[in-house]
Amino acid sequence: MLIPERQTRLKELLSRRGMSDLDTLAAELQVSQSTVRRDVESLEQSGLVRRTHGGVIWVGETVNSGTRPYAFDQRMGYQLDAKRQIAKAARGLVQRGDTVLIDGGTTTFYLAQELLGQPMQLVTNSLPIANLFLNDENVELILAGGLMYPRYGVLLGPMAENMLATIHTRTMFLSVAGIHEGALYNQNLLLVQTERRMMQQSQRVVLLADSGKFGQQALAKLCQLEEMDVVVTDAGLSAEHCDEVRRAGCELIVAE
């Protein structure tokens, strides 16, 4: 196998799985571990992967394998740099062994990528996020059941809410479609009902929102901004909106 062909195959494997160990990659590509290590180093220099002890985590764009809904794919590239900065900043809010609830969304998906390989219990209603952790032996994955909202790959409705009512998590991470005049909004009525149940089951609620979400509204009101414990955003947020977050009593984290 030629080097370009092998590296393309390596990128496809990692982008679909989210993470892998070097021994597995070497066996599948039928090359030595030293060869895989050199290829991984090349991908790391390109910003596509991050190495861990004995393994590698994909942090670049994910190849569409049919597991992501179309609307979700469309939004993955919107405000990409801001979302990745927010995800890196939010990663520090999760400790080893934590119990974490991650809502569906593109910004929360980038956070999930940052958390690959970290020992924790993870509850999610997002199929794209759950798919990231299928081969992560450090994570105890709990997927909420329910009616699938195909545009974003999240599980919603009474079944999801009933399951969520049986658990408790230390921290919940969610994203929204808009923040306007002290209120949070999302696109779907079932979505906000499920998110409200998630909030009730979590000790701390963290909002991940890029600066472009502020001043925007959507169909369904989720809650007031003051119900968030922490807001993580990017450096593009205006001073006016920073003051709005602080007045609501939220801890504000601005990603560099």
Protein backbone atom coordinates (compact mmCIF):
# COMPACT_ATOMS: atom_id res chain seq x y z
CA MET A 1 0.00 0.00 0.00
CA LEU A 2 1.41 3.40 -1.02
CA ILE A 3 1.95 6.02 1.69
CA PRO A 4 -0.82 8.42 0.49
CA GLU A 5 -3.27 5.51 0.20
CA ARG A 6 -2.34 4.22 3.66
CA GLN A 7 -2.70 7.63 5.28
CA THR A 8 -6.06 8.17 3.61
CA ARG A 9 -7.21 4.80 4.95
CA LEU A 10 -5.90 5.72 8.41
CA LYS A 11 -7.84 8.99 8.35
CA GLU A 12 -11.02 7.17 7.34
CA LEU A 13 -10.65 4.64 10.17
CA LEU A 14 -10.01 7.27 12.83
CA SER A 15 -12.65 9.73 11.66
CA ARG A 16 -15.34 7.04 11.81
CA ARG A 17 -14.30 5.55 15.17
CA GLY A 18 -13.17 8.65 17.02
CA MET A 19 -10.23 6.84 18.63
CA SER A 20 -8.12 3.69 18.42
CA ASP A 21 -4.95 2.08 19.76
CA LEU A 22 -1.82 1.75 17.63
CA ASP A 23 -1.75 -2.07 17.71
CA THR A 24 -5.23 -2.27 16.19
CA LEU A 25 -4.39 0.28 13.49
CA ALA A 26 -1.16 -1.51 12.61
CA ALA A 27 -2.98 -4.85 12.28
CA GLU A 28 -5.76 -3.42 10.11
CA LEU A 29 -3.34 -1.57 7.82
CA GLN A 30 -0.96 -4.57 7.81
CA VAL A 31 2.07 -2.45 8.70
CA SER A 32 4.41 -2.15 11.67
CA GLN A 33 3.55 -0.08 14.72
CA SER A 34 6.49 2.23 13.95
CA THR A 35 4.99 2.93 10.51
CA VAL A 36 1.61 3.72 12.04
CA ARG A 37 3.30 5.94 14.62
CA ARG A 38 4.98 7.97 11.85
CA ASP A 39 1.66 8.32 10.01
CA VAL A 40 -0.06 9.42 13.21
CA GLU A 41 2.68 12.00 13.84
CA SER A 42 2.03 13.38 10.35
CA LEU A 43 -1.70 13.64 11.06
CA GLU A 44 -1.00 15.27 14.41
CA GLN A 45 1.12 17.94 12.73
CA SER A 46 -1.85 18.62 10.44
CA GLY A 47 -4.12 19.08 13.48
CA LEU A 48 -6.31 16.08 12.64
CA VAL A 49 -5.50 13.85 15.62
CA ARG A 50 -4.26 14.00 19.21
CA ARG A 51 -2.04 11.24 20.59
CA THR A 52 -2.67 9.60 23.95
CA HIS A 53 -0.76 6.91 25.84
CA GLY A 54 -0.75 4.00 23.39
CA GLY A 55 -3.46 5.42 21.19
CA VAL A 56 -4.78 8.26 19.08
CA ILE A 57 -7.93 10.43 19.09
CA TRP A 58 -9.46 11.99 15.97
CA VAL A 59 -10.16 15.72 16.35
CA GLY A 60 -10.61 16.69 12.69
CA GLU A 61 -13.69 16.69 10.51
CA THR A 62 -15.54 13.37 10.55
CA VAL A 63 -16.17 11.45 7.35
CA ASN A 64 -19.89 11.10 6.75
CA SER A 65 -20.53 7.39 7.28
CA GLY A 66 -24.29 7.65 7.20
CA THR A 67 -24.53 7.81 11.01
CA ARG A 68 -25.03 11.57 11.11
CA PRO A 69 -28.21 13.33 10.02
CA TYR A 70 -27.90 15.82 7.19
CA ALA A 71 -28.75 18.95 9.22
CA PHE A 72 -26.20 17.92 11.85
CA ASP A 73 -23.48 17.64 9.18
CA GLN A 74 -24.40 21.03 7.78
CA ARG A 75 -23.91 22.77 11.13
CA MET A 76 -20.63 21.04 12.01
CA GLY A 77 -18.63 23.59 10.04
CA TYR A 78 -20.51 26.69 11.21
CA GLN A 79 -18.45 28.78 13.68
CA LEU A 80 -16.00 25.86 13.67
CA ASP A 81 -13.04 27.59 15.32
CA ALA A 82 -15.23 29.09 18.04
CA LYS A 83 -16.87 25.74 18.79
CA ARG A 84 -13.53 23.99 19.09
CA GLN A 85 -12.19 26.71 21.39
CA ILE A 86 -15.30 26.42 23.55
CA ALA A 87 -14.95 22.62 23.68
CA LYS A 88 -11.31 22.85 24.81
CA ALA A 89 -12.22 25.36 27.53
CA ALA A 90 -15.16 23.23 28.73
CA ARG A 91 -13.02 20.10 28.92
CA GLY A 92 -11.50 21.41 32.16
CA LEU A 93 -14.92 21.24 33.84
CA VAL A 94 -14.86 17.41 33.72
CA GLN A 95 -12.76 15.44 36.20
CA ARG A 96 -11.67 11.81 36.02
CA GLY A 97 -14.51 9.55 37.10
CA ASP A 98 -17.21 12.21 36.76
CA THR A 99 -20.78 11.43 35.79
CA VAL A 100 -21.58 13.68 32.84
CA LEU A 101 -24.69 14.30 30.74
CA ILE A 102 -24.11 15.67 27.23
CA ASP A 103 -27.02 16.96 25.18
CA GLY A 104 -27.09 16.62 21.40
CA GLY A 105 -25.62 19.43 19.31
CA THR A 106 -22.58 20.34 17.28
CA THR A 107 -20.75 22.28 20.00
CA THR A 108 -21.38 19.49 22.49
CA PHE A 109 -20.12 17.02 19.86
CA TYR A 110 -16.77 18.84 19.77
CA LEU A 111 -16.66 18.69 23.58
CA ALA A 112 -17.30 14.94 23.40
CA GLN A 113 -14.30 14.62 21.08
CA GLU A 114 -12.17 16.40 23.69
CA LEU A 115 -13.30 13.92 26.35
CA LEU A 116 -12.40 10.76 24.45
CA GLY A 117 -10.22 8.51 26.54
CA GLN A 118 -11.08 10.17 29.87
CA PRO A 119 -12.52 7.80 32.51
CA MET A 120 -16.11 8.80 33.25
CA GLN A 121 -19.77 7.80 33.15
CA LEU A 122 -21.44 9.44 30.18
CA VAL A 123 -25.19 9.84 29.65
CA THR A 124 -26.35 11.22 26.29
CA ASN A 125 -29.39 11.29 24.03
CA SER A 126 -27.23 11.94 20.94
CA LEU A 127 -26.48 9.13 18.50
CA PRO A 128 -23.48 10.95 16.94
CA ILE A 129 -21.96 11.49 20.40
CA ALA A 130 -22.69 7.93 21.52
CA ASN A 131 -21.05 6.64 18.34
CA LEU A 132 -17.81 8.41 19.32
CA PHE A 133 -17.49 6.34 22.49
CA LEU A 134 -18.43 2.89 21.20
CA ASN A 135 -14.81 1.69 21.40
CA ASP A 136 -13.73 3.78 24.40
CA GLU A 137 -13.10 1.32 27.22
CA ASN A 138 -12.58 4.17 29.71
CA VAL A 139 -16.17 5.37 29.39
CA GLU A 140 -19.33 3.78 30.76
CA LEU A 141 -21.83 4.88 28.12
CA ILE A 142 -25.55 5.26 28.88
CA LEU A 143 -27.78 6.13 25.93
CA ALA A 144 -31.26 7.52 26.57
CA GLY A 145 -33.97 5.85 24.50
CA GLY A 146 -36.88 7.55 22.83
CA LEU A 147 -38.21 8.97 19.58
CA MET A 148 -35.39 9.90 17.23
CA TYR A 149 -35.35 13.43 15.83
CA PRO A 150 -33.59 12.54 12.56
CA ARG A 151 -32.37 16.01 11.58
CA TYR A 152 -30.03 16.10 14.60
CA GLY A 153 -29.80 12.47 15.66
CA VAL A 154 -31.16 12.99 19.19
CA LEU A 155 -33.60 10.83 21.14
CA LEU A 156 -36.57 12.74 22.57
CA GLY A 157 -40.03 12.38 24.05
CA PRO A 158 -41.66 10.61 27.03
CA MET A 159 -39.47 7.48 26.81
CA ALA A 160 -36.29 9.54 26.98
CA GLU A 161 -37.67 11.69 29.81
CA ASN A 162 -38.75 8.63 31.83
CA MET A 163 -35.29 7.09 31.51
CA LEU A 164 -33.57 10.36 32.42
CA ALA A 165 -35.74 10.66 35.53
CA THR A 166 -33.98 7.58 36.94
CA ILE A 167 -30.44 9.00 36.84
CA HIS A 168 -28.44 11.83 38.41
CA THR A 169 -25.34 13.45 36.95
CA ARG A 170 -22.80 15.90 38.31
CA THR A 171 -22.60 18.09 35.21
CA MET A 172 -24.79 18.60 32.15
CA PHE A 173 -23.54 20.25 28.98
CA LEU A 174 -26.03 21.65 26.50
CA SER A 175 -26.14 23.93 23.50
CA VAL A 176 -29.01 26.06 22.20
CA ALA A 177 -30.15 27.78 19.02
CA GLY A 178 -30.29 31.23 20.58
CA ILE A 179 -30.06 33.44 23.65
CA HIS A 180 -32.29 36.51 23.58
CA GLU A 181 -33.21 38.98 26.34
CA GLY A 182 -32.21 36.62 29.11
CA ALA A 183 -33.91 33.50 27.70
CA LEU A 184 -32.61 30.37 25.96
CA TYR A 185 -34.28 28.95 22.84
CA ASN A 186 -34.11 25.77 20.75
CA GLN A 187 -35.70 24.62 17.51
CA ASN A 188 -38.06 21.90 18.68
CA LEU A 189 -40.72 21.59 21.41
CA LEU A 190 -39.89 17.96 22.19
CA LEU A 191 -36.22 18.91 22.36
CA VAL A 192 -36.71 21.56 25.03
CA GLN A 193 -38.96 19.25 27.07
CA THR A 194 -36.24 16.60 27.14
CA GLU A 195 -33.59 19.20 27.94
CA ARG A 196 -35.66 20.47 30.88
CA ARG A 197 -35.73 16.95 32.30
CA MET A 198 -31.95 16.72 31.81
CA MET A 199 -31.47 19.95 33.72
CA GLN A 200 -33.57 18.66 36.62
CA GLN A 201 -31.35 15.57 36.90
CA SER A 202 -28.02 17.43 36.95
CA GLN A 203 -26.22 19.12 39.80
CA ARG A 204 -24.57 21.69 37.52
CA VAL A 205 -25.72 22.91 34.09
CA VAL A 206 -23.16 24.28 31.64
CA LEU A 207 -24.20 26.15 28.49
CA LEU A 208 -21.85 25.95 25.50
CA ALA A 209 -22.74 28.82 23.17
CA ASP A 210 -20.68 30.59 20.54
CA SER A 211 -21.03 34.36 20.36
CA GLY A 212 -23.21 34.09 17.25
CA LYS A 213 -26.02 32.54 19.33
CA PHE A 214 -26.50 35.68 21.41
CA GLY A 215 -29.29 37.95 20.22
CA GLN A 216 -30.95 35.04 18.36
CA GLN A 217 -34.32 33.38 18.96
CA ALA A 218 -35.85 30.07 17.89
CA LEU A 219 -39.24 28.34 18.07
CA ALA A 220 -39.27 27.01 21.62
CA LYS A 221 -38.21 28.69 24.84
CA LEU A 222 -36.10 26.41 27.03
CA CYS A 223 -35.53 28.44 30.20
CA GLN A 224 -34.05 31.64 31.59
CA LEU A 225 -30.33 32.28 31.34
CA GLU A 226 -30.17 32.51 35.14
CA GLU A 227 -30.89 28.76 35.31
CA MET A 228 -27.43 28.07 33.89
CA ASP A 229 -24.57 27.65 36.35
CA VAL A 230 -21.77 28.19 33.83
CA VAL A 231 -21.66 29.71 30.34
CA VAL A 232 -18.70 28.90 28.08
CA THR A 233 -18.35 31.07 24.98
CA ASP A 234 -15.72 32.45 22.61
CA ALA A 235 -13.77 35.71 22.62
CA GLY A 236 -16.13 37.23 20.04
CA LEU A 237 -18.84 37.82 22.64
CA SER A 238 -19.60 41.51 23.07
CA ALA A 239 -19.08 43.31 26.38
CA GLU A 240 -22.83 43.90 26.55
CA HIS A 241 -23.61 40.19 26.34
CA CYS A 242 -20.81 39.36 28.81
CA ASP A 243 -22.51 41.70 31.27
CA GLU A 244 -25.85 40.03 30.55
CA VAL A 245 -24.42 36.62 31.48
CA ARG A 246 -22.86 37.93 34.69
CA ARG A 247 -26.04 39.75 35.70
CA ALA A 248 -27.87 36.43 35.39
CA GLY A 249 -25.55 35.05 38.07
CA CYS A 250 -23.71 32.65 35.77
CA GLU A 251 -20.01 31.91 35.88
CA LEU A 252 -18.61 33.11 32.53
CA ILE A 253 -15.74 31.29 30.84
CA VAL A 254 -14.40 32.94 27.68
CA ALA A 255 -12.31 30.56 25.56
CA GLU A 256 -9.03 31.94 24.25
